[in-house]
């Protein structure tokens, strides 16, 4: 059982890299099996189809991301000290993933259902966390973060359904939606922190 789990994790690791670098549609189960030096029969014994494998890749990524965010939160003294490094890491991650990956994901119903459930499960925590920024004097009191969270989530999905996702990189879309939105939600104190952070980041 342990050996099977280790093999599954190796398949997920290799498949994730292929999906990210080449997109999902262009990578076949044959390609993945070849990259692993594994028979396609063995691969299908581990994952019934490409969508199941893709879903496993996304679940693995989310678990790793949760662990990483937990570590960041332990070091952060306020909401922005958590969010700003997170934004930077997200932009770096987007630079390493081909643009077609994000559009391809939307072709898989089980994956989209997973995303929808993940959003519902995490929305309350996200809103509660962002509201802490009001108490810390970083975000304006009148901001309704329930609306902000939903708007950003639906906005990124919309980009995948229209030409913007083909015209601009995921990083550009992120910078001109998420970053602009949170700066707009910030108090003068929060704006100062955001601007200073990205000034230092740009210099690096």
N, C-alpha and C. Protein backbone atom coordinates (compact mmCIF):
# COMPACT_ATOMS: atom_id res chain seq x y z
N UNK A 1 0.83 -1.21 0.00
CA UNK A 1 0.00 0.00 0.00
C UNK A 1 0.86 1.25 0.00
N UNK A 2 1.90 1.24 0.85
CA UNK A 2 2.80 2.40 0.92
C UNK A 2 3.50 2.60 -0.41
N UNK A 3 3.93 1.49 -1.03
CA UNK A 3 4.61 1.59 -2.32
C UNK A 3 3.68 2.16 -3.38
N UNK A 4 2.42 1.73 -3.36
CA UNK A 4 1.44 2.25 -4.33
C UNK A 4 1.25 3.75 -4.13
N UNK A 5 1.17 4.19 -2.87
CA UNK A 5 1.01 5.61 -2.59
C UNK A 5 2.22 6.41 -3.07
N UNK A 6 3.40 5.84 -2.89
CA UNK A 6 4.63 6.52 -3.34
C UNK A 6 4.64 6.64 -4.86
N UNK A 7 4.20 5.59 -5.55
CA UNK A 7 4.15 5.62 -7.02
C UNK A 7 3.13 6.66 -7.47
N UNK A 8 1.96 6.69 -6.80
CA UNK A 8 0.94 7.69 -7.14
C UNK A 8 1.49 9.12 -6.98
N UNK A 9 2.20 9.35 -5.89
CA UNK A 9 2.76 10.68 -5.65
C UNK A 9 3.78 11.06 -6.72
N UNK A 10 4.55 10.07 -7.17
CA UNK A 10 5.53 10.34 -8.23
C UNK A 10 4.81 10.67 -9.54
N UNK A 11 3.76 9.94 -9.85
CA UNK A 11 2.98 10.21 -11.06
C UNK A 11 2.39 11.62 -10.99
N UNK A 12 1.84 11.98 -9.85
CA UNK A 12 1.25 13.31 -9.67
C UNK A 12 2.29 14.39 -9.88
N UNK A 13 3.48 14.19 -9.34
CA UNK A 13 4.56 15.17 -9.47
C UNK A 13 4.95 15.37 -10.93
N UNK A 14 5.14 14.27 -11.65
CA UNK A 14 5.54 14.34 -13.05
C UNK A 14 4.42 14.93 -13.91
N UNK A 15 3.20 14.47 -13.68
CA UNK A 15 2.06 14.96 -14.47
C UNK A 15 1.84 16.45 -14.23
N UNK A 16 1.99 16.90 -13.01
CA UNK A 16 1.82 18.32 -12.70
C UNK A 16 2.78 19.18 -13.50
N UNK A 17 4.03 18.76 -13.57
CA UNK A 17 5.03 19.51 -14.31
C UNK A 17 4.69 19.56 -15.80
N UNK A 18 4.22 18.44 -16.34
CA UNK A 18 3.85 18.41 -17.76
C UNK A 18 2.63 19.28 -18.03
N UNK A 19 1.63 19.18 -17.18
CA UNK A 19 0.43 20.00 -17.36
C UNK A 19 0.76 21.49 -17.29
N UNK A 20 1.62 21.84 -16.34
CA UNK A 20 1.97 23.25 -16.17
C UNK A 20 2.80 23.79 -17.33
N UNK A 21 3.71 22.99 -17.82
CA UNK A 21 4.63 23.48 -18.86
C UNK A 21 4.04 23.41 -20.26
N UNK A 22 3.13 22.44 -20.51
CA UNK A 22 2.62 22.24 -21.86
C UNK A 22 1.11 22.48 -22.00
N UNK A 23 0.43 22.67 -20.89
CA UNK A 23 -1.03 22.74 -20.93
C UNK A 23 -1.62 21.36 -20.74
N UNK A 24 -2.89 21.29 -20.48
CA UNK A 24 -3.54 20.01 -20.18
C UNK A 24 -3.96 19.28 -21.45
N UNK A 25 -4.55 20.00 -22.38
CA UNK A 25 -5.05 19.36 -23.60
C UNK A 25 -3.94 18.71 -24.41
N UNK A 26 -2.77 19.32 -24.41
CA UNK A 26 -1.68 18.82 -25.25
C UNK A 26 -0.93 17.65 -24.63
N UNK A 27 -1.20 17.35 -23.37
CA UNK A 27 -0.53 16.24 -22.70
C UNK A 27 -1.49 15.05 -22.61
N UNK A 28 -1.10 13.93 -23.19
CA UNK A 28 -1.94 12.74 -23.16
C UNK A 28 -1.47 11.79 -22.06
N UNK A 29 -2.27 10.81 -21.75
CA UNK A 29 -1.86 9.78 -20.79
C UNK A 29 -0.66 9.00 -21.34
N UNK A 30 -0.60 8.86 -22.66
CA UNK A 30 0.57 8.23 -23.29
C UNK A 30 1.84 9.03 -22.98
N UNK A 31 1.74 10.36 -23.11
CA UNK A 31 2.89 11.22 -22.83
C UNK A 31 3.36 11.05 -21.39
N UNK A 32 2.40 11.02 -20.48
CA UNK A 32 2.74 10.90 -19.05
C UNK A 32 3.38 9.54 -18.78
N UNK A 33 2.80 8.48 -19.34
CA UNK A 33 3.36 7.14 -19.14
C UNK A 33 4.77 7.07 -19.70
N UNK A 34 4.97 7.67 -20.88
CA UNK A 34 6.31 7.67 -21.49
C UNK A 34 7.31 8.42 -20.61
N UNK A 35 6.90 9.57 -20.09
CA UNK A 35 7.78 10.37 -19.25
C UNK A 35 8.16 9.60 -17.98
N UNK A 36 7.26 8.77 -17.51
CA UNK A 36 7.48 7.99 -16.28
C UNK A 36 8.18 6.66 -16.55
N UNK A 37 8.36 6.34 -17.84
CA UNK A 37 8.86 5.00 -18.22
C UNK A 37 7.97 3.92 -17.60
N UNK A 38 6.67 4.15 -17.73
CA UNK A 38 5.66 3.27 -17.13
C UNK A 38 4.70 2.84 -18.23
N UNK A 39 4.16 1.66 -18.13
CA UNK A 39 3.18 1.23 -19.12
C UNK A 39 1.88 2.01 -18.92
N UNK A 40 1.16 2.23 -20.01
CA UNK A 40 -0.11 2.95 -19.89
C UNK A 40 -1.10 2.14 -19.05
N UNK A 41 -1.00 0.83 -19.12
CA UNK A 41 -1.90 -0.02 -18.32
C UNK A 41 -1.68 0.25 -16.83
N UNK A 42 -0.44 0.34 -16.42
CA UNK A 42 -0.14 0.61 -15.00
C UNK A 42 -0.65 1.99 -14.60
N UNK A 43 -0.48 2.96 -15.49
CA UNK A 43 -0.95 4.31 -15.21
C UNK A 43 -2.47 4.33 -15.01
N UNK A 44 -3.19 3.59 -15.86
CA UNK A 44 -4.64 3.56 -15.75
C UNK A 44 -5.12 2.75 -14.54
N UNK A 45 -4.26 1.91 -14.00
CA UNK A 45 -4.59 1.21 -12.76
C UNK A 45 -4.53 2.16 -11.57
N UNK A 46 -3.72 3.21 -11.72
CA UNK A 46 -3.58 4.20 -10.65
C UNK A 46 -4.61 5.32 -10.78
N UNK A 47 -4.90 5.71 -12.02
CA UNK A 47 -5.85 6.80 -12.29
C UNK A 47 -6.73 6.38 -13.46
N UNK A 48 -8.03 6.44 -13.25
CA UNK A 48 -8.97 5.92 -14.25
C UNK A 48 -8.91 6.69 -15.57
N UNK A 49 -8.64 8.00 -15.50
CA UNK A 49 -8.55 8.81 -16.71
C UNK A 49 -7.77 10.08 -16.41
N UNK A 50 -7.60 10.90 -17.43
CA UNK A 50 -6.78 12.11 -17.26
C UNK A 50 -7.42 13.08 -16.29
N UNK A 51 -8.73 13.16 -16.29
CA UNK A 51 -9.39 14.10 -15.38
C UNK A 51 -9.16 13.70 -13.92
N UNK A 52 -9.20 12.40 -13.64
CA UNK A 52 -8.94 11.94 -12.27
C UNK A 52 -7.51 12.28 -11.86
N UNK A 53 -6.58 12.12 -12.79
CA UNK A 53 -5.18 12.46 -12.51
C UNK A 53 -5.01 13.96 -12.31
N UNK A 54 -5.65 14.75 -13.17
CA UNK A 54 -5.59 16.20 -13.03
C UNK A 54 -6.16 16.64 -11.69
N UNK A 55 -7.27 16.05 -11.29
CA UNK A 55 -7.89 16.38 -10.01
C UNK A 55 -6.95 16.04 -8.86
N UNK A 56 -6.27 14.92 -8.95
CA UNK A 56 -5.31 14.53 -7.91
C UNK A 56 -4.15 15.52 -7.85
N UNK A 57 -3.73 16.01 -9.02
CA UNK A 57 -2.65 17.01 -9.07
C UNK A 57 -3.09 18.30 -8.36
N UNK A 58 -4.31 18.74 -8.63
CA UNK A 58 -4.81 19.98 -8.03
C UNK A 58 -5.00 19.83 -6.52
N UNK A 59 -5.50 18.68 -6.09
CA UNK A 59 -5.68 18.43 -4.66
C UNK A 59 -4.33 18.41 -3.94
N UNK A 60 -3.33 17.80 -4.58
CA UNK A 60 -1.99 17.78 -4.00
C UNK A 60 -1.43 19.19 -3.88
N UNK A 61 -1.62 19.99 -4.92
CA UNK A 61 -1.16 21.38 -4.92
C UNK A 61 -1.83 22.16 -3.80
N UNK A 62 -3.13 21.96 -3.61
CA UNK A 62 -3.86 22.70 -2.58
C UNK A 62 -3.41 22.30 -1.18
N UNK A 63 -3.13 21.03 -0.97
CA UNK A 63 -2.64 20.60 0.35
C UNK A 63 -1.28 21.21 0.65
N UNK A 64 -0.39 21.21 -0.35
CA UNK A 64 0.94 21.80 -0.17
C UNK A 64 0.83 23.29 0.06
N UNK A 65 -0.10 23.94 -0.67
CA UNK A 65 -0.31 25.38 -0.53
C UNK A 65 -0.84 25.71 0.88
N UNK A 66 -1.73 24.89 1.38
CA UNK A 66 -2.27 25.11 2.73
C UNK A 66 -1.15 25.04 3.78
N UNK A 67 -0.27 24.06 3.63
CA UNK A 67 0.85 23.93 4.57
C UNK A 67 1.78 25.14 4.48
N UNK A 68 2.02 25.61 3.26
CA UNK A 68 2.90 26.77 3.08
C UNK A 68 2.28 28.02 3.66
N UNK A 69 0.99 28.20 3.44
CA UNK A 69 0.31 29.39 3.96
C UNK A 69 0.26 29.38 5.48
N UNK A 70 0.15 28.20 6.06
CA UNK A 70 0.16 28.09 7.52
C UNK A 70 1.49 28.60 8.08
N UNK A 71 2.58 28.27 7.41
CA UNK A 71 3.91 28.73 7.85
C UNK A 71 4.03 30.25 7.71
N UNK A 72 3.54 30.79 6.58
CA UNK A 72 3.59 32.24 6.38
C UNK A 72 2.79 32.96 7.46
N UNK A 73 1.60 32.42 7.78
CA UNK A 73 0.73 33.07 8.75
C UNK A 73 1.35 33.10 10.14
N UNK A 74 2.18 32.11 10.44
CA UNK A 74 2.82 32.07 11.75
C UNK A 74 3.88 33.16 11.90
N UNK A 75 4.42 33.61 10.77
CA UNK A 75 5.45 34.66 10.81
C UNK A 75 4.87 36.06 10.65
N UNK A 76 3.66 36.15 10.08
CA UNK A 76 3.08 37.46 9.76
C UNK A 76 2.47 38.10 11.01
N UNK A 77 2.70 39.39 11.15
CA UNK A 77 2.15 40.13 12.29
C UNK A 77 0.82 40.80 11.96
N UNK A 78 0.49 40.90 10.67
CA UNK A 78 -0.79 41.47 10.27
C UNK A 78 -1.21 40.89 8.93
N UNK A 79 -2.39 41.27 8.50
CA UNK A 79 -2.97 40.70 7.28
C UNK A 79 -2.10 40.96 6.05
N UNK A 80 -1.58 42.17 5.90
CA UNK A 80 -0.78 42.48 4.72
C UNK A 80 0.56 41.77 4.73
N UNK A 81 1.13 41.53 5.89
CA UNK A 81 2.38 40.79 5.95
C UNK A 81 2.18 39.34 5.50
N UNK A 82 0.95 38.88 5.53
CA UNK A 82 0.60 37.57 4.99
C UNK A 82 0.28 37.66 3.50
N UNK A 83 -0.55 38.64 3.13
CA UNK A 83 -1.03 38.73 1.75
C UNK A 83 0.05 39.09 0.75
N UNK A 84 0.91 40.04 1.09
CA UNK A 84 1.87 40.55 0.10
C UNK A 84 2.88 39.48 -0.34
N UNK A 85 3.51 38.72 0.59
CA UNK A 85 4.37 37.63 0.13
C UNK A 85 3.60 36.58 -0.66
N UNK A 86 2.33 36.37 -0.27
CA UNK A 86 1.49 35.42 -1.00
C UNK A 86 1.27 35.87 -2.44
N UNK A 87 1.00 37.17 -2.64
CA UNK A 87 0.80 37.70 -3.98
C UNK A 87 2.06 37.51 -4.83
N UNK A 88 3.22 37.77 -4.24
CA UNK A 88 4.48 37.61 -4.97
C UNK A 88 4.67 36.16 -5.39
N UNK A 89 4.42 35.23 -4.48
CA UNK A 89 4.61 33.82 -4.81
C UNK A 89 3.62 33.37 -5.88
N UNK A 90 2.40 33.93 -5.85
CA UNK A 90 1.41 33.58 -6.86
C UNK A 90 1.85 34.09 -8.24
N UNK A 91 2.41 35.30 -8.29
CA UNK A 91 2.87 35.83 -9.57
C UNK A 91 4.04 35.02 -10.12
N UNK A 92 4.93 34.59 -9.24
CA UNK A 92 6.05 33.76 -9.68
C UNK A 92 5.54 32.41 -10.20
N UNK A 93 4.56 31.86 -9.51
CA UNK A 93 3.98 30.59 -9.93
C UNK A 93 3.34 30.73 -11.31
N UNK A 94 2.63 31.82 -11.52
CA UNK A 94 1.96 32.05 -12.80
C UNK A 94 2.96 32.17 -13.94
N UNK A 95 4.13 32.73 -13.65
CA UNK A 95 5.16 32.87 -14.68
C UNK A 95 5.66 31.52 -15.17
N UNK A 96 5.49 30.49 -14.34
CA UNK A 96 6.01 29.16 -14.67
C UNK A 96 4.95 28.23 -15.26
N UNK A 97 3.73 28.73 -15.38
CA UNK A 97 2.64 27.90 -15.91
C UNK A 97 2.18 28.48 -17.25
N UNK A 98 2.09 27.65 -18.25
CA UNK A 98 1.69 28.14 -19.57
C UNK A 98 0.24 28.62 -19.52
N UNK A 99 -0.06 29.63 -20.30
CA UNK A 99 -1.37 30.28 -20.23
C UNK A 99 -2.51 29.33 -20.56
N UNK A 100 -2.28 28.37 -21.44
CA UNK A 100 -3.37 27.46 -21.84
C UNK A 100 -3.83 26.56 -20.69
N UNK A 101 -2.97 26.37 -19.68
CA UNK A 101 -3.33 25.51 -18.55
C UNK A 101 -4.63 25.98 -17.91
N UNK A 102 -4.74 27.28 -17.66
CA UNK A 102 -5.89 27.82 -16.94
C UNK A 102 -7.17 27.70 -17.75
N UNK A 103 -7.07 27.88 -19.06
CA UNK A 103 -8.24 27.71 -19.92
C UNK A 103 -8.61 26.24 -20.05
N UNK A 104 -7.61 25.37 -20.13
CA UNK A 104 -7.86 23.93 -20.28
C UNK A 104 -8.60 23.36 -19.08
N UNK A 105 -8.27 23.85 -17.90
CA UNK A 105 -8.89 23.35 -16.67
C UNK A 105 -10.41 23.42 -16.74
N UNK A 106 -10.91 24.45 -17.40
CA UNK A 106 -12.34 24.69 -17.42
C UNK A 106 -13.10 23.67 -18.28
N UNK A 107 -12.41 22.81 -18.96
CA UNK A 107 -13.04 21.80 -19.80
C UNK A 107 -13.38 20.53 -19.02
N UNK A 108 -13.04 20.49 -17.75
CA UNK A 108 -13.22 19.27 -16.97
C UNK A 108 -14.26 19.48 -15.86
N UNK A 109 -15.45 18.91 -16.00
CA UNK A 109 -16.55 19.15 -15.06
C UNK A 109 -16.23 18.79 -13.61
N UNK A 110 -15.57 17.65 -13.38
CA UNK A 110 -15.27 17.26 -11.99
C UNK A 110 -14.27 18.23 -11.36
N UNK A 111 -13.36 18.72 -12.17
CA UNK A 111 -12.38 19.68 -11.67
C UNK A 111 -13.07 20.99 -11.33
N UNK A 112 -13.97 21.45 -12.18
CA UNK A 112 -14.68 22.69 -11.92
C UNK A 112 -15.57 22.55 -10.68
N UNK A 113 -16.18 21.37 -10.50
CA UNK A 113 -16.99 21.13 -9.30
C UNK A 113 -16.12 21.18 -8.05
N UNK A 114 -14.91 20.67 -8.17
CA UNK A 114 -13.95 20.73 -7.04
C UNK A 114 -13.61 22.18 -6.72
N UNK A 115 -13.35 22.99 -7.74
CA UNK A 115 -13.04 24.40 -7.53
C UNK A 115 -14.21 25.12 -6.85
N UNK A 116 -15.42 24.85 -7.32
CA UNK A 116 -16.60 25.50 -6.74
C UNK A 116 -16.76 25.14 -5.27
N UNK A 117 -16.57 23.86 -4.94
CA UNK A 117 -16.68 23.43 -3.55
C UNK A 117 -15.58 24.05 -2.70
N UNK A 118 -14.38 24.11 -3.27
CA UNK A 118 -13.24 24.70 -2.56
C UNK A 118 -13.51 26.17 -2.25
N UNK A 119 -14.09 26.88 -3.21
CA UNK A 119 -14.42 28.30 -2.99
C UNK A 119 -15.45 28.45 -1.88
N UNK A 120 -16.49 27.62 -1.91
CA UNK A 120 -17.54 27.71 -0.89
C UNK A 120 -16.98 27.40 0.50
N UNK A 121 -16.11 26.39 0.55
CA UNK A 121 -15.55 25.98 1.84
C UNK A 121 -14.64 27.03 2.45
N UNK A 122 -14.01 27.83 1.59
CA UNK A 122 -13.00 28.77 2.08
C UNK A 122 -13.46 30.23 2.14
N UNK A 123 -14.63 30.52 1.60
CA UNK A 123 -15.06 31.91 1.51
C UNK A 123 -15.20 32.56 2.89
N UNK A 124 -15.85 31.89 3.82
CA UNK A 124 -16.06 32.47 5.14
C UNK A 124 -14.73 32.78 5.83
N UNK A 125 -13.78 31.85 5.73
CA UNK A 125 -12.47 32.06 6.36
C UNK A 125 -11.75 33.24 5.71
N UNK A 126 -11.86 33.36 4.39
CA UNK A 126 -11.19 34.45 3.69
C UNK A 126 -11.76 35.80 4.11
N UNK A 127 -13.09 35.88 4.19
CA UNK A 127 -13.74 37.14 4.59
C UNK A 127 -13.38 37.50 6.03
N UNK A 128 -13.43 36.51 6.90
CA UNK A 128 -13.09 36.76 8.31
C UNK A 128 -11.64 37.24 8.44
N UNK A 129 -10.75 36.61 7.67
CA UNK A 129 -9.34 36.99 7.72
C UNK A 129 -9.14 38.41 7.22
N UNK A 130 -9.74 38.76 6.10
CA UNK A 130 -9.58 40.10 5.54
C UNK A 130 -10.18 41.17 6.45
N UNK A 131 -11.26 40.84 7.14
CA UNK A 131 -11.86 41.79 8.07
C UNK A 131 -10.93 42.12 9.24
N UNK A 132 -10.01 41.21 9.54
CA UNK A 132 -9.02 41.50 10.57
C UNK A 132 -8.16 42.70 10.17
N UNK A 133 -7.98 42.87 8.85
CA UNK A 133 -7.21 44.00 8.36
C UNK A 133 -7.86 45.33 8.68
N UNK A 134 -9.20 45.33 8.83
CA UNK A 134 -9.89 46.56 9.25
C UNK A 134 -9.52 46.89 10.69
N UNK A 135 -9.51 45.88 11.54
CA UNK A 135 -9.17 46.08 12.94
C UNK A 135 -7.72 46.53 13.10
N UNK A 136 -6.89 46.14 12.15
CA UNK A 136 -5.47 46.52 12.19
C UNK A 136 -5.21 47.87 11.53
N UNK A 137 -6.27 48.51 11.03
CA UNK A 137 -6.14 49.81 10.39
C UNK A 137 -5.56 49.77 8.99
N UNK A 138 -5.62 48.60 8.35
CA UNK A 138 -5.02 48.43 7.03
C UNK A 138 -6.05 48.51 5.91
N UNK A 139 -7.30 48.15 6.20
CA UNK A 139 -8.37 48.21 5.20
C UNK A 139 -9.50 49.12 5.70
N UNK A 140 -10.17 49.76 4.76
CA UNK A 140 -11.24 50.69 5.08
C UNK A 140 -12.46 49.96 5.66
N UNK A 141 -13.08 50.56 6.66
CA UNK A 141 -14.19 49.95 7.38
C UNK A 141 -15.38 49.65 6.47
N UNK A 142 -15.61 50.50 5.46
CA UNK A 142 -16.81 50.35 4.64
C UNK A 142 -16.69 49.25 3.59
N UNK A 143 -15.53 48.66 3.43
CA UNK A 143 -15.34 47.62 2.42
C UNK A 143 -16.10 46.35 2.83
N UNK A 144 -16.87 45.80 1.90
CA UNK A 144 -17.57 44.54 2.11
C UNK A 144 -16.75 43.44 1.44
N UNK A 145 -15.98 42.72 2.24
CA UNK A 145 -15.06 41.73 1.67
C UNK A 145 -15.77 40.50 1.13
N UNK A 146 -17.03 40.29 1.49
CA UNK A 146 -17.80 39.20 0.88
C UNK A 146 -17.95 39.48 -0.62
N UNK A 147 -18.26 40.72 -0.93
CA UNK A 147 -18.40 41.11 -2.34
C UNK A 147 -17.04 41.05 -3.04
N UNK A 148 -16.01 41.56 -2.39
CA UNK A 148 -14.67 41.59 -2.98
C UNK A 148 -14.18 40.19 -3.32
N UNK A 149 -14.32 39.26 -2.38
CA UNK A 149 -13.84 37.89 -2.59
C UNK A 149 -14.58 37.24 -3.75
N UNK A 150 -15.90 37.41 -3.79
CA UNK A 150 -16.68 36.78 -4.86
C UNK A 150 -16.38 37.43 -6.21
N UNK A 151 -16.21 38.74 -6.20
CA UNK A 151 -15.93 39.45 -7.46
C UNK A 151 -14.59 39.02 -8.04
N UNK A 152 -13.57 38.91 -7.20
CA UNK A 152 -12.26 38.49 -7.69
C UNK A 152 -12.29 37.06 -8.20
N UNK A 153 -12.99 36.21 -7.49
CA UNK A 153 -13.08 34.81 -7.90
C UNK A 153 -13.78 34.66 -9.24
N UNK A 154 -14.93 35.31 -9.40
CA UNK A 154 -15.67 35.21 -10.66
C UNK A 154 -14.95 35.93 -11.79
N UNK A 155 -14.21 37.00 -11.44
CA UNK A 155 -13.48 37.75 -12.46
C UNK A 155 -12.39 36.94 -13.11
N UNK A 156 -11.63 36.19 -12.32
CA UNK A 156 -10.55 35.38 -12.88
C UNK A 156 -11.12 34.28 -13.78
N UNK A 157 -12.27 33.73 -13.40
CA UNK A 157 -12.91 32.71 -14.25
C UNK A 157 -13.39 33.33 -15.56
N UNK A 158 -13.93 34.54 -15.47
CA UNK A 158 -14.43 35.21 -16.67
C UNK A 158 -13.31 35.43 -17.68
N UNK A 159 -12.12 35.77 -17.19
CA UNK A 159 -11.00 36.02 -18.09
C UNK A 159 -10.67 34.79 -18.92
N UNK A 160 -10.88 33.60 -18.33
CA UNK A 160 -10.59 32.37 -19.06
C UNK A 160 -11.62 32.11 -20.16
N UNK A 161 -12.79 32.72 -20.04
CA UNK A 161 -13.86 32.46 -20.99
C UNK A 161 -13.89 33.47 -22.14
N UNK A 162 -13.06 34.52 -22.02
CA UNK A 162 -13.05 35.51 -23.11
C UNK A 162 -11.61 35.74 -23.59
N UNK A 163 -11.44 36.68 -24.45
CA UNK A 163 -10.15 36.86 -25.13
C UNK A 163 -9.06 37.44 -24.23
N UNK A 164 -9.41 38.00 -23.08
CA UNK A 164 -8.39 38.61 -22.23
C UNK A 164 -7.32 37.61 -21.82
N UNK A 165 -7.73 36.37 -21.57
CA UNK A 165 -6.78 35.35 -21.15
C UNK A 165 -5.79 35.00 -22.26
N UNK A 166 -6.19 35.28 -23.52
CA UNK A 166 -5.30 35.03 -24.65
C UNK A 166 -4.42 36.24 -24.95
N UNK A 167 -4.92 37.42 -24.60
CA UNK A 167 -4.19 38.65 -24.89
C UNK A 167 -3.13 38.96 -23.84
N UNK A 168 -3.41 38.58 -22.59
CA UNK A 168 -2.53 38.95 -21.48
C UNK A 168 -2.16 37.72 -20.65
N UNK A 169 -1.00 37.80 -20.03
CA UNK A 169 -0.55 36.69 -19.18
C UNK A 169 -1.35 36.66 -17.89
N UNK A 170 -1.32 35.50 -17.23
CA UNK A 170 -1.99 35.39 -15.94
C UNK A 170 -1.41 36.37 -14.92
N UNK A 171 -0.13 36.61 -15.01
CA UNK A 171 0.51 37.56 -14.10
C UNK A 171 -0.06 38.97 -14.32
N UNK A 172 -0.19 39.38 -15.58
CA UNK A 172 -0.73 40.72 -15.88
C UNK A 172 -2.17 40.84 -15.39
N UNK A 173 -2.96 39.79 -15.60
CA UNK A 173 -4.34 39.82 -15.13
C UNK A 173 -4.39 39.91 -13.61
N UNK A 174 -3.53 39.18 -12.95
CA UNK A 174 -3.48 39.19 -11.48
C UNK A 174 -3.08 40.57 -10.97
N UNK A 175 -2.03 41.13 -11.57
CA UNK A 175 -1.55 42.44 -11.13
C UNK A 175 -2.61 43.53 -11.30
N UNK A 176 -3.40 43.43 -12.37
CA UNK A 176 -4.36 44.48 -12.68
C UNK A 176 -5.76 44.21 -12.14
N UNK A 177 -5.91 43.16 -11.39
CA UNK A 177 -7.20 42.89 -10.74
C UNK A 177 -6.99 42.74 -9.23
N UNK A 178 -6.32 41.70 -8.82
CA UNK A 178 -6.16 41.42 -7.39
C UNK A 178 -5.37 42.52 -6.69
N UNK A 179 -4.21 42.88 -7.22
CA UNK A 179 -3.39 43.90 -6.57
C UNK A 179 -4.08 45.26 -6.54
N UNK A 180 -4.66 45.63 -7.68
CA UNK A 180 -5.36 46.93 -7.75
C UNK A 180 -6.54 46.95 -6.78
N UNK A 181 -7.28 45.83 -6.69
CA UNK A 181 -8.44 45.77 -5.81
C UNK A 181 -8.04 45.95 -4.35
N UNK A 182 -7.03 45.23 -3.91
CA UNK A 182 -6.64 45.32 -2.50
C UNK A 182 -6.02 46.67 -2.16
N UNK A 183 -5.33 47.26 -3.11
CA UNK A 183 -4.81 48.61 -2.85
C UNK A 183 -5.98 49.59 -2.71
N UNK A 184 -7.03 49.37 -3.51
CA UNK A 184 -8.20 50.23 -3.43
C UNK A 184 -8.98 50.05 -2.13
N UNK A 185 -8.86 48.88 -1.52
CA UNK A 185 -9.53 48.61 -0.25
C UNK A 185 -8.76 49.16 0.95
N UNK A 186 -7.51 49.53 0.72
CA UNK A 186 -6.62 49.86 1.82
C UNK A 186 -6.79 51.29 2.33
N UNK A 187 -6.47 51.47 3.61
CA UNK A 187 -6.37 52.80 4.21
C UNK A 187 -5.03 53.41 3.78
N UNK A 188 -4.79 54.70 4.08
CA UNK A 188 -3.47 55.27 3.78
C UNK A 188 -2.32 54.45 4.37
N UNK A 189 -2.53 53.93 5.58
CA UNK A 189 -1.51 53.08 6.20
C UNK A 189 -1.29 51.81 5.38
N UNK A 190 -2.38 51.21 4.93
CA UNK A 190 -2.26 49.99 4.13
C UNK A 190 -1.64 50.25 2.78
N UNK A 191 -2.04 51.37 2.13
CA UNK A 191 -1.47 51.74 0.84
C UNK A 191 0.03 51.94 0.96
N UNK A 192 0.45 52.58 2.03
CA UNK A 192 1.88 52.81 2.25
C UNK A 192 2.64 51.49 2.37
N UNK A 193 2.06 50.53 3.10
CA UNK A 193 2.70 49.22 3.25
C UNK A 193 2.79 48.49 1.91
N UNK A 194 1.70 48.55 1.15
CA UNK A 194 1.67 47.86 -0.15
C UNK A 194 2.70 48.46 -1.10
N UNK A 195 2.71 49.79 -1.19
CA UNK A 195 3.62 50.46 -2.12
C UNK A 195 5.07 50.23 -1.73
N UNK A 196 5.36 50.28 -0.43
CA UNK A 196 6.73 50.08 0.03
C UNK A 196 7.19 48.66 -0.24
N UNK A 197 6.29 47.70 -0.03
CA UNK A 197 6.63 46.30 -0.26
C UNK A 197 7.00 46.07 -1.71
N UNK A 198 6.16 46.56 -2.63
CA UNK A 198 6.42 46.29 -4.05
C UNK A 198 7.55 47.15 -4.60
N UNK A 199 7.82 48.26 -3.95
CA UNK A 199 9.00 49.04 -4.33
C UNK A 199 10.26 48.25 -4.04
N UNK A 200 10.32 47.67 -2.84
CA UNK A 200 11.48 46.84 -2.48
C UNK A 200 11.54 45.59 -3.33
N UNK A 201 10.36 45.01 -3.63
CA UNK A 201 10.32 43.80 -4.45
C UNK A 201 10.83 44.08 -5.86
N UNK A 202 10.44 45.23 -6.42
CA UNK A 202 10.88 45.61 -7.77
C UNK A 202 12.39 45.84 -7.80
N UNK A 203 12.93 46.45 -6.75
CA UNK A 203 14.36 46.70 -6.69
C UNK A 203 15.16 45.40 -6.64
N UNK A 204 14.57 44.38 -6.00
CA UNK A 204 15.25 43.09 -5.91
C UNK A 204 15.29 42.40 -7.26
